[in-house]
Every structure is written in C-alpha cells, then in structure tokens.
N, C-alpha and C. Protein backbone atom coordinates (compact mmCIF):
# COMPACT_ATOMS: atom_id res chain seq x y z
N MET A 1 -2.30 19.44 -26.88
CA MET A 1 -1.02 19.77 -26.29
C MET A 1 -0.80 18.94 -25.04
N SER A 2 0.31 18.30 -24.88
CA SER A 2 0.53 17.43 -23.68
C SER A 2 1.06 18.30 -22.52
N LYS A 3 0.70 17.72 -21.36
CA LYS A 3 1.06 18.38 -20.09
C LYS A 3 2.55 18.08 -19.80
N PRO A 4 3.18 19.00 -19.06
CA PRO A 4 4.60 18.69 -18.53
C PRO A 4 4.49 17.45 -17.61
N VAL A 5 5.45 16.62 -17.65
CA VAL A 5 5.54 15.42 -16.88
C VAL A 5 6.44 15.60 -15.64
N VAL A 6 5.93 15.31 -14.41
CA VAL A 6 6.69 15.55 -13.23
C VAL A 6 6.76 14.18 -12.53
N ALA A 7 7.99 13.98 -11.95
CA ALA A 7 8.30 12.81 -11.16
C ALA A 7 8.78 13.25 -9.80
N THR A 8 8.51 12.48 -8.71
CA THR A 8 9.02 12.85 -7.31
C THR A 8 9.53 11.59 -6.68
N ALA A 9 10.39 11.83 -5.72
CA ALA A 9 10.94 10.68 -4.91
C ALA A 9 11.38 11.19 -3.55
N SER A 10 11.48 10.25 -2.62
CA SER A 10 12.03 10.59 -1.36
C SER A 10 13.13 9.62 -1.02
N LEU A 11 14.34 10.13 -0.64
CA LEU A 11 15.50 9.36 -0.37
C LEU A 11 15.69 9.28 1.10
N ALA A 12 16.88 9.59 1.69
CA ALA A 12 17.01 9.54 3.14
C ALA A 12 16.47 10.68 3.74
N GLY A 13 15.32 10.61 4.27
CA GLY A 13 14.58 11.78 4.92
C GLY A 13 13.32 11.20 5.60
N CYS A 14 12.42 12.13 5.86
CA CYS A 14 11.23 11.74 6.62
C CYS A 14 9.94 11.77 5.88
N PHE A 15 9.96 12.07 4.60
CA PHE A 15 8.87 12.19 3.68
C PHE A 15 8.03 13.46 4.02
N GLY A 16 8.58 14.38 4.84
CA GLY A 16 7.88 15.62 5.22
C GLY A 16 7.72 16.58 4.00
N CYS A 17 8.63 16.56 3.06
CA CYS A 17 8.55 17.42 1.91
C CYS A 17 7.40 16.97 0.98
N HIS A 18 7.19 15.68 0.87
CA HIS A 18 6.04 15.19 0.10
C HIS A 18 4.68 15.59 0.85
N MET A 19 4.74 15.57 2.13
CA MET A 19 3.60 16.06 2.94
C MET A 19 3.30 17.58 2.64
N SER A 20 4.34 18.36 2.44
CA SER A 20 4.17 19.74 2.05
C SER A 20 3.60 19.88 0.65
N ILE A 21 4.01 18.96 -0.24
CA ILE A 21 3.37 19.02 -1.53
C ILE A 21 1.81 18.78 -1.43
N LEU A 22 1.47 17.82 -0.59
CA LEU A 22 0.02 17.53 -0.30
C LEU A 22 -0.58 18.74 0.43
N ASP A 23 0.18 19.49 1.21
CA ASP A 23 -0.38 20.65 1.91
C ASP A 23 -0.78 21.80 1.04
N ILE A 24 -0.52 21.65 -0.28
CA ILE A 24 -1.05 22.78 -1.21
C ILE A 24 -2.54 22.71 -1.26
N ASP A 25 -3.18 21.72 -0.59
CA ASP A 25 -4.58 21.58 -0.36
C ASP A 25 -5.27 21.36 -1.64
N ASP A 26 -6.40 22.17 -1.89
CA ASP A 26 -7.19 22.05 -3.07
C ASP A 26 -6.44 22.45 -4.35
N ARG A 27 -5.37 23.13 -4.18
CA ARG A 27 -4.48 23.45 -5.35
C ARG A 27 -3.92 22.24 -5.96
N ILE A 28 -3.94 21.15 -5.28
CA ILE A 28 -3.50 19.88 -5.91
C ILE A 28 -4.29 19.50 -7.06
N LEU A 29 -5.59 19.90 -7.08
CA LEU A 29 -6.46 19.61 -8.27
C LEU A 29 -6.00 20.52 -9.39
N GLN A 30 -5.62 21.72 -9.15
CA GLN A 30 -5.06 22.64 -10.22
C GLN A 30 -3.76 22.05 -10.68
N LEU A 31 -2.91 21.52 -9.80
CA LEU A 31 -1.62 20.90 -10.22
C LEU A 31 -1.89 19.71 -11.16
N VAL A 32 -2.83 18.91 -10.84
CA VAL A 32 -3.16 17.76 -11.65
C VAL A 32 -3.60 18.20 -13.05
N GLU A 33 -4.30 19.31 -13.06
CA GLU A 33 -4.64 19.91 -14.38
C GLU A 33 -3.41 20.45 -15.17
N LEU A 34 -2.46 20.89 -14.49
CA LEU A 34 -1.22 21.47 -15.11
C LEU A 34 -0.26 20.34 -15.55
N VAL A 35 -0.14 19.21 -14.77
CA VAL A 35 1.00 18.28 -15.01
C VAL A 35 0.42 16.84 -15.09
N GLU A 36 1.27 15.98 -15.57
CA GLU A 36 0.99 14.52 -15.49
C GLU A 36 2.11 13.96 -14.58
N PHE A 37 1.72 13.23 -13.57
CA PHE A 37 2.68 12.65 -12.63
C PHE A 37 3.22 11.32 -13.26
N ASN A 38 4.53 11.11 -13.10
CA ASN A 38 5.12 9.84 -13.42
C ASN A 38 5.97 9.44 -12.35
N LYS A 39 6.39 8.25 -12.13
CA LYS A 39 7.20 7.73 -11.05
C LYS A 39 7.17 8.70 -9.91
N SER A 40 6.12 8.42 -8.98
CA SER A 40 5.97 9.24 -7.88
C SER A 40 5.05 8.48 -6.86
N PRO A 41 5.33 8.74 -5.50
CA PRO A 41 4.38 8.19 -4.50
C PRO A 41 3.01 8.79 -4.61
N ILE A 42 2.97 9.93 -5.30
CA ILE A 42 1.60 10.61 -5.36
C ILE A 42 0.72 9.82 -6.21
N ASP A 43 1.19 9.14 -7.34
CA ASP A 43 0.36 8.30 -8.10
C ASP A 43 0.71 6.81 -8.08
N ASP A 44 1.75 6.51 -7.28
CA ASP A 44 2.18 5.08 -7.02
C ASP A 44 2.79 4.48 -8.21
N ILE A 45 3.24 5.27 -9.21
CA ILE A 45 3.98 4.67 -10.31
C ILE A 45 5.46 4.48 -9.89
N LYS A 46 5.88 3.21 -9.96
CA LYS A 46 7.16 2.84 -9.34
C LYS A 46 8.42 3.06 -10.24
N THR A 47 8.24 3.09 -11.58
CA THR A 47 9.33 3.23 -12.50
C THR A 47 9.01 4.27 -13.51
N PHE A 48 10.06 4.81 -14.13
CA PHE A 48 9.90 5.85 -15.17
C PHE A 48 9.24 5.07 -16.36
N THR A 49 8.22 5.75 -16.94
CA THR A 49 7.61 5.22 -18.10
C THR A 49 7.85 6.14 -19.35
N LYS A 50 8.41 7.32 -19.08
CA LYS A 50 8.80 8.26 -20.10
C LYS A 50 9.72 9.29 -19.57
N MET A 51 10.29 10.12 -20.48
CA MET A 51 11.15 11.24 -20.01
C MET A 51 10.30 12.26 -19.29
N CYS A 52 10.76 12.76 -18.20
CA CYS A 52 10.00 13.71 -17.39
C CYS A 52 10.62 15.16 -17.62
N ASP A 53 9.75 16.15 -17.51
CA ASP A 53 10.20 17.50 -17.64
C ASP A 53 10.81 17.98 -16.31
N VAL A 54 10.21 17.57 -15.20
CA VAL A 54 10.66 18.00 -13.90
C VAL A 54 10.76 16.84 -12.89
N GLY A 55 11.86 16.71 -12.22
CA GLY A 55 11.99 15.73 -11.14
C GLY A 55 12.19 16.48 -9.82
N ILE A 56 11.48 16.11 -8.79
CA ILE A 56 11.52 16.75 -7.52
C ILE A 56 11.91 15.65 -6.54
N ILE A 57 13.08 15.84 -5.85
CA ILE A 57 13.54 14.81 -4.87
C ILE A 57 13.87 15.41 -3.46
N GLU A 58 13.30 14.76 -2.52
CA GLU A 58 13.61 15.12 -1.12
C GLU A 58 14.54 14.02 -0.53
N GLY A 59 15.25 14.43 0.52
CA GLY A 59 16.12 13.47 1.14
C GLY A 59 17.50 13.45 0.57
N GLY A 60 18.41 13.04 1.46
CA GLY A 60 19.86 12.94 0.96
C GLY A 60 20.17 11.58 0.57
N CYS A 61 21.43 11.21 0.33
CA CYS A 61 21.87 9.95 -0.19
C CYS A 61 22.67 9.34 0.93
N CYS A 62 22.14 8.24 1.60
CA CYS A 62 22.90 7.58 2.65
C CYS A 62 23.30 6.13 2.32
N ASN A 63 22.73 5.57 1.16
CA ASN A 63 23.08 4.30 0.74
C ASN A 63 23.14 4.17 -0.75
N SER A 64 23.58 2.96 -1.25
CA SER A 64 23.73 2.82 -2.72
C SER A 64 22.42 2.86 -3.41
N GLU A 65 21.33 2.42 -2.89
CA GLU A 65 20.02 2.54 -3.46
C GLU A 65 19.60 4.00 -3.69
N ASN A 66 19.91 4.89 -2.67
CA ASN A 66 19.59 6.23 -2.88
C ASN A 66 20.37 6.89 -4.03
N VAL A 67 21.58 6.49 -4.19
CA VAL A 67 22.43 7.03 -5.27
C VAL A 67 21.90 6.53 -6.64
N GLU A 68 21.56 5.19 -6.74
CA GLU A 68 20.95 4.73 -7.93
C GLU A 68 19.75 5.40 -8.31
N ASN A 69 18.79 5.66 -7.36
CA ASN A 69 17.60 6.43 -7.57
C ASN A 69 17.84 7.81 -8.17
N LEU A 70 18.84 8.47 -7.42
CA LEU A 70 19.19 9.84 -7.83
C LEU A 70 19.69 9.85 -9.27
N LEU A 71 20.58 8.98 -9.57
CA LEU A 71 21.17 8.89 -10.93
C LEU A 71 20.13 8.65 -11.94
N ALA A 72 19.08 7.79 -11.63
CA ALA A 72 18.02 7.59 -12.63
C ALA A 72 17.17 8.77 -12.80
N PHE A 73 16.96 9.57 -11.73
CA PHE A 73 16.22 10.87 -11.76
C PHE A 73 16.97 11.82 -12.80
N ARG A 74 18.29 11.91 -12.55
CA ARG A 74 19.02 12.89 -13.39
C ARG A 74 18.94 12.41 -14.86
N LYS A 75 19.03 11.17 -15.06
CA LYS A 75 18.96 10.67 -16.46
C LYS A 75 17.60 10.84 -17.07
N ASN A 76 16.52 10.75 -16.26
CA ASN A 76 15.20 10.77 -16.80
C ASN A 76 14.42 12.09 -16.61
N CYS A 77 15.06 13.03 -16.11
CA CYS A 77 14.43 14.39 -15.85
C CYS A 77 15.21 15.45 -16.48
N LYS A 78 14.49 16.35 -17.24
CA LYS A 78 15.21 17.49 -17.84
C LYS A 78 15.65 18.52 -16.70
N ILE A 79 14.81 18.67 -15.85
CA ILE A 79 15.09 19.72 -14.71
C ILE A 79 15.01 18.84 -13.41
N LEU A 80 15.94 19.06 -12.46
CA LEU A 80 15.94 18.38 -11.17
C LEU A 80 15.88 19.43 -10.09
N ILE A 81 14.97 19.24 -9.17
CA ILE A 81 14.77 20.08 -8.03
C ILE A 81 15.16 19.40 -6.74
N SER A 82 16.03 20.02 -5.93
CA SER A 82 16.39 19.51 -4.64
C SER A 82 15.37 20.13 -3.69
N LEU A 83 14.61 19.31 -2.99
CA LEU A 83 13.51 19.81 -2.17
C LEU A 83 13.80 19.55 -0.70
N GLY A 84 14.01 20.57 0.04
CA GLY A 84 14.15 20.46 1.51
C GLY A 84 15.63 20.35 1.97
N GLU A 85 15.74 20.52 3.19
CA GLU A 85 17.12 20.59 3.82
C GLU A 85 17.91 19.27 3.69
N CYS A 86 17.22 18.15 3.86
CA CYS A 86 17.93 16.87 3.65
C CYS A 86 18.58 16.74 2.29
N ALA A 87 17.75 17.17 1.25
CA ALA A 87 18.30 17.07 -0.13
C ALA A 87 19.36 18.13 -0.42
N ILE A 88 19.29 19.30 0.19
CA ILE A 88 20.11 20.40 0.03
C ILE A 88 21.47 20.22 0.81
N MET A 89 21.30 19.81 2.13
CA MET A 89 22.48 19.79 2.95
C MET A 89 22.71 18.49 3.73
N GLY A 90 21.84 17.47 3.49
CA GLY A 90 21.90 16.23 4.17
C GLY A 90 20.97 16.10 5.35
N GLY A 91 20.53 17.30 5.89
CA GLY A 91 19.58 17.38 6.97
C GLY A 91 19.92 16.57 8.21
N LEU A 92 18.90 16.17 8.97
CA LEU A 92 19.11 15.38 10.15
C LEU A 92 19.84 14.06 9.97
N PRO A 93 19.58 13.33 8.84
CA PRO A 93 20.34 12.12 8.70
C PRO A 93 21.88 12.34 8.63
N ALA A 94 22.27 13.50 8.21
CA ALA A 94 23.74 13.81 8.11
C ALA A 94 24.39 14.01 9.43
N LEU A 95 23.62 13.97 10.53
CA LEU A 95 24.18 14.10 11.88
C LEU A 95 25.13 12.93 12.16
N ARG A 96 24.97 11.86 11.36
CA ARG A 96 25.86 10.70 11.51
C ARG A 96 27.25 10.86 10.84
N ASN A 97 27.35 11.94 10.05
CA ASN A 97 28.54 12.09 9.22
C ASN A 97 29.90 12.13 10.01
N GLY A 98 29.84 12.52 11.18
CA GLY A 98 31.06 12.49 11.97
C GLY A 98 31.34 11.23 12.75
N ILE A 99 30.56 10.24 12.55
CA ILE A 99 30.65 8.95 13.22
C ILE A 99 31.02 7.88 12.18
N PRO A 100 32.00 7.03 12.47
CA PRO A 100 32.32 5.98 11.58
C PRO A 100 31.12 5.04 11.27
N VAL A 101 30.92 4.61 10.03
CA VAL A 101 29.81 3.71 9.69
C VAL A 101 29.73 2.47 10.60
N GLU A 102 30.83 1.92 10.90
CA GLU A 102 30.85 0.67 11.72
C GLU A 102 30.32 0.99 13.07
N GLU A 103 30.63 2.13 13.66
CA GLU A 103 30.10 2.46 14.94
C GLU A 103 28.59 2.69 14.89
N CYS A 104 27.99 3.31 13.88
CA CYS A 104 26.63 3.51 13.62
C CYS A 104 25.91 2.17 13.58
N ILE A 105 26.46 1.22 12.80
CA ILE A 105 25.85 -0.14 12.60
C ILE A 105 25.82 -0.91 14.01
N ASN A 106 27.02 -0.84 14.68
CA ASN A 106 27.01 -1.52 15.99
C ASN A 106 25.95 -0.86 16.94
N GLU A 107 25.84 0.41 16.95
CA GLU A 107 24.83 1.01 17.87
C GLU A 107 23.46 0.58 17.46
N ALA A 108 23.13 0.55 16.21
CA ALA A 108 21.83 0.23 15.72
C ALA A 108 21.43 -1.23 15.94
N TYR A 109 22.45 -2.13 15.78
CA TYR A 109 22.06 -3.53 15.82
C TYR A 109 22.63 -4.32 17.01
N CYS A 110 23.58 -3.76 17.73
CA CYS A 110 24.23 -4.55 18.80
C CYS A 110 24.31 -3.83 20.13
N ASP A 111 24.61 -2.53 20.20
CA ASP A 111 24.98 -1.85 21.45
C ASP A 111 23.93 -0.87 21.86
N GLY A 112 22.93 -0.59 21.06
CA GLY A 112 21.95 0.46 21.33
C GLY A 112 21.13 0.07 22.53
N PRO A 113 20.54 1.04 23.26
CA PRO A 113 19.79 0.75 24.47
C PRO A 113 18.55 -0.05 24.21
N THR A 114 17.98 -0.10 23.01
CA THR A 114 16.83 -0.80 22.69
C THR A 114 17.07 -2.15 22.11
N VAL A 115 18.33 -2.51 21.92
CA VAL A 115 18.70 -3.75 21.32
C VAL A 115 18.91 -4.80 22.39
N SER A 116 17.95 -5.68 22.53
CA SER A 116 18.07 -6.73 23.59
C SER A 116 17.95 -8.11 23.02
N LEU A 117 17.31 -8.28 21.83
CA LEU A 117 17.11 -9.62 21.25
C LEU A 117 18.27 -10.10 20.44
N ASN A 118 19.22 -9.31 20.15
CA ASN A 118 20.33 -9.71 19.32
C ASN A 118 21.57 -10.04 20.05
N LYS A 119 21.39 -11.02 20.99
CA LYS A 119 22.53 -11.42 21.84
C LYS A 119 23.72 -12.01 21.10
N GLU A 120 23.52 -12.57 19.90
CA GLU A 120 24.60 -13.09 19.16
C GLU A 120 25.31 -11.97 18.32
N ARG A 121 24.81 -10.77 18.51
CA ARG A 121 25.44 -9.61 17.75
C ARG A 121 25.53 -9.86 16.23
N ILE A 122 24.39 -10.33 15.66
CA ILE A 122 24.34 -10.60 14.27
C ILE A 122 24.04 -9.26 13.51
N LEU A 123 24.86 -8.97 12.47
CA LEU A 123 24.63 -7.77 11.70
C LEU A 123 23.89 -8.20 10.42
N PRO A 124 22.99 -7.27 9.84
CA PRO A 124 22.38 -7.60 8.62
C PRO A 124 23.42 -7.79 7.51
N ASN A 125 23.29 -8.87 6.81
CA ASN A 125 24.29 -9.18 5.75
C ASN A 125 23.63 -9.97 4.58
N ASP A 126 23.15 -9.19 3.64
CA ASP A 126 22.45 -9.76 2.50
C ASP A 126 22.76 -8.90 1.26
N ASP A 127 23.00 -9.58 0.13
CA ASP A 127 23.28 -8.84 -1.11
C ASP A 127 22.12 -7.96 -1.53
N GLU A 128 20.90 -8.24 -1.06
CA GLU A 128 19.74 -7.47 -1.42
C GLU A 128 19.70 -6.13 -0.70
N LEU A 129 20.47 -5.96 0.49
CA LEU A 129 20.41 -4.77 1.22
C LEU A 129 21.31 -3.76 0.57
N PRO A 130 20.93 -2.45 0.51
CA PRO A 130 21.76 -1.43 -0.11
C PRO A 130 22.99 -1.12 0.82
N MET A 131 24.07 -0.90 0.16
CA MET A 131 25.36 -0.61 0.85
C MET A 131 25.28 0.79 1.48
N ILE A 132 25.57 0.86 2.83
CA ILE A 132 25.56 2.14 3.50
C ILE A 132 26.83 2.93 3.10
N LEU A 133 26.64 4.21 2.75
CA LEU A 133 27.71 5.04 2.36
C LEU A 133 28.47 5.59 3.54
N ASP A 134 29.73 6.16 3.31
CA ASP A 134 30.57 6.58 4.38
C ASP A 134 29.93 7.81 5.05
N LYS A 135 29.03 8.54 4.37
CA LYS A 135 28.35 9.67 5.01
C LYS A 135 27.02 9.94 4.20
N VAL A 136 26.24 10.79 4.71
CA VAL A 136 25.06 11.21 4.01
C VAL A 136 25.35 12.39 3.14
N TYR A 137 25.12 12.24 1.81
CA TYR A 137 25.53 13.23 0.81
C TYR A 137 24.28 14.10 0.38
N PRO A 138 24.49 15.41 0.30
CA PRO A 138 23.45 16.21 -0.34
C PRO A 138 23.43 15.91 -1.83
N LEU A 139 22.31 16.09 -2.42
CA LEU A 139 22.12 15.64 -3.86
C LEU A 139 23.14 16.32 -4.78
N HIS A 140 23.38 17.56 -4.67
CA HIS A 140 24.30 18.29 -5.58
C HIS A 140 25.77 17.74 -5.53
N GLU A 141 26.16 16.96 -4.52
CA GLU A 141 27.45 16.34 -4.51
C GLU A 141 27.48 15.13 -5.38
N ILE A 142 26.35 14.69 -5.87
CA ILE A 142 26.28 13.43 -6.67
C ILE A 142 25.86 13.74 -8.12
N VAL A 143 24.94 14.56 -8.30
CA VAL A 143 24.42 15.02 -9.65
C VAL A 143 24.23 16.48 -9.74
N LYS A 144 24.07 16.97 -10.99
CA LYS A 144 23.72 18.40 -11.19
C LYS A 144 22.26 18.65 -10.82
N ILE A 145 22.09 19.60 -9.89
CA ILE A 145 20.81 20.08 -9.47
C ILE A 145 20.52 21.45 -10.10
N ASP A 146 19.29 21.62 -10.61
CA ASP A 146 18.98 22.80 -11.25
C ASP A 146 18.29 23.92 -10.35
N TYR A 147 17.55 23.42 -9.41
CA TYR A 147 16.84 24.42 -8.53
C TYR A 147 16.81 23.79 -7.12
N TYR A 148 16.85 24.67 -6.09
CA TYR A 148 16.83 24.34 -4.65
C TYR A 148 15.66 24.98 -4.02
N LEU A 149 14.80 24.25 -3.30
CA LEU A 149 13.76 24.80 -2.55
C LEU A 149 13.91 24.47 -1.08
N PRO A 150 14.44 25.41 -0.23
CA PRO A 150 14.74 25.17 1.13
C PRO A 150 13.62 25.03 2.03
N GLY A 151 13.87 24.49 3.29
CA GLY A 151 12.92 24.36 4.29
C GLY A 151 12.97 23.01 4.89
N CYS A 152 12.37 22.85 6.09
CA CYS A 152 12.31 21.58 6.68
C CYS A 152 10.95 21.44 7.43
N PRO A 153 10.00 21.07 6.59
CA PRO A 153 10.00 20.99 5.15
C PRO A 153 9.71 22.32 4.58
N PRO A 154 9.87 22.44 3.20
CA PRO A 154 9.55 23.69 2.59
C PRO A 154 8.04 23.99 2.75
N ARG A 155 7.67 25.24 2.80
CA ARG A 155 6.25 25.58 2.96
C ARG A 155 5.56 25.21 1.63
N ALA A 156 4.30 24.86 1.80
CA ALA A 156 3.44 24.47 0.65
C ALA A 156 3.40 25.61 -0.37
N ASP A 157 3.34 26.83 0.13
CA ASP A 157 3.25 28.01 -0.81
C ASP A 157 4.55 28.21 -1.60
N LEU A 158 5.66 27.89 -1.01
CA LEU A 158 6.90 27.95 -1.75
C LEU A 158 6.91 26.93 -2.84
N ILE A 159 6.55 25.64 -2.60
CA ILE A 159 6.51 24.63 -3.54
C ILE A 159 5.53 25.01 -4.68
N TRP A 160 4.30 25.45 -4.32
CA TRP A 160 3.28 25.81 -5.28
C TRP A 160 3.73 26.97 -6.23
N ASN A 161 4.26 28.04 -5.51
CA ASN A 161 4.70 29.17 -6.41
C ASN A 161 5.85 28.82 -7.35
N ALA A 162 6.79 28.06 -6.81
CA ALA A 162 7.92 27.65 -7.65
C ALA A 162 7.55 26.76 -8.81
N LEU A 163 6.71 25.76 -8.49
CA LEU A 163 6.19 24.82 -9.57
C LEU A 163 5.38 25.56 -10.60
N VAL A 164 4.49 26.37 -10.23
CA VAL A 164 3.59 27.04 -11.17
C VAL A 164 4.51 27.98 -12.04
N ALA A 165 5.42 28.66 -11.50
CA ALA A 165 6.28 29.54 -12.28
C ALA A 165 7.13 28.72 -13.23
N LEU A 166 7.72 27.63 -12.77
CA LEU A 166 8.56 26.80 -13.57
C LEU A 166 7.74 26.20 -14.80
N LEU A 167 6.54 25.61 -14.47
CA LEU A 167 5.70 24.96 -15.43
C LEU A 167 5.12 25.90 -16.42
N THR A 168 4.81 27.13 -16.04
CA THR A 168 4.09 28.08 -16.95
C THR A 168 5.07 29.03 -17.57
N GLY A 169 6.36 29.06 -17.17
CA GLY A 169 7.25 29.97 -17.72
C GLY A 169 7.08 31.40 -17.23
N SER A 170 6.31 31.60 -16.18
CA SER A 170 6.06 32.90 -15.58
C SER A 170 7.13 33.30 -14.53
N LYS A 171 7.16 34.54 -14.15
CA LYS A 171 8.10 35.02 -13.11
C LYS A 171 7.86 34.34 -11.77
N MET A 172 8.92 33.93 -11.13
CA MET A 172 8.71 33.32 -9.86
C MET A 172 8.47 34.28 -8.78
N ASP A 173 7.28 34.22 -8.12
CA ASP A 173 6.93 35.12 -7.00
C ASP A 173 7.19 34.37 -5.70
N LEU A 174 8.42 34.68 -5.10
CA LEU A 174 8.75 34.03 -3.85
C LEU A 174 8.96 35.12 -2.75
N PRO A 175 7.87 35.55 -2.13
CA PRO A 175 8.07 36.55 -1.06
C PRO A 175 8.71 35.95 0.13
N TYR A 176 9.31 36.77 0.92
CA TYR A 176 10.05 36.42 2.14
C TYR A 176 9.30 35.36 2.95
N GLU A 177 7.98 35.65 3.12
CA GLU A 177 7.17 34.75 3.94
C GLU A 177 7.21 33.28 3.57
N VAL A 178 7.44 32.93 2.36
CA VAL A 178 7.39 31.57 1.94
C VAL A 178 8.73 30.91 2.02
N VAL A 179 9.82 31.63 2.17
CA VAL A 179 11.16 30.99 2.29
C VAL A 179 11.80 31.25 3.58
N LYS A 180 11.25 32.04 4.54
CA LYS A 180 11.89 32.29 5.81
C LYS A 180 11.84 31.05 6.72
N PHE A 181 12.77 30.99 7.68
CA PHE A 181 12.80 29.75 8.50
C PHE A 181 12.34 30.06 9.94
N ASP A 182 11.87 31.21 10.30
CA ASP A 182 11.44 31.45 11.65
C ASP A 182 9.92 31.51 11.73
C-alpha cells in the first residue's frame, strides 16, 4: 500500500511555518513513515513528480511567481492547506497593501535610509524577475483552500495533530492550547 504524498511550499513569508513543521521534533520520523514528501524544501524536490494527496503552503502571494506556484499546487494537490497567518490573511507582508507599489519600490531601491549606492536611481528591470502584485493576497483569494491552520507560526502540535488526523482519517483533536494565540 502506498503512502499519502505530501508537498509543501513557502511563498511571501518568513519560512517560520516550515520551521514549525520541523519543530515536531522526533515525530518527524513518524511523519516520514506516514507520508512520502514530494516538491518540498524538506526533501529538496523542486518540481512535482506526481499527483499529491496534500499540499501545505505558507506565505501569501505578493508577486507573479507566488501566484504561479500556488496555481501549480492547486492543480497538483487533492487537498490544499493554508498554513499560518501570511497564507490565511497576508500576514506582515500585507502591511504594504495600503501603499502604492511604485512607492514601495522607490523606498526599497532609491529613497530608503539604507540605499546609498544607487545614486542613478536604477530600478530592477529584467524579464526574469517576477512582477510585483498590487497587494499581498491571502491564498484563498486566488485558489480554493480546503483547510486553514492559524498561527504565526502555527504551533508544532497543531500541525502534527491536523496532519495525522487528515492522513489517517481519524477525528481531529485540536485542544485550545494548540490554536490559541496568547
């Protein structure tokens, strides 16, 4: 019998949610017995090699590359989990949502207090660079999301309990202690 296949990705965020996945400590060995990882920084597979049962994504969408990755996950994953506040609400990256993109770019490359070497005020301009979106979007505004695991980052026990329940078909045991924010 084959194991369920899990893929993970980080979009516009800090990678803290993946650190929480690693924070399940020695249970990661149990997780490896339960699942096969595909396209994930956990196993360093860069592209989908098969259809995945579960996709777990942290971070919001702030550029065209993030959107492309998210669309690929929706296409290649039967179940998609939005992991953490950046994925669910845009998180800290969404603080720029009230500021015009042009103003953000000028601050980053021309007018910021740490910008001193760009005296010609040259802005990055290459077709290889992803296009910056008008705002940072939570994942559910772009694709259908099946489950949400909140937190910044979500607690390791929340991730563990939710994954085990989902993968084994058992009842999800999510006591208040694993989802509270204080």
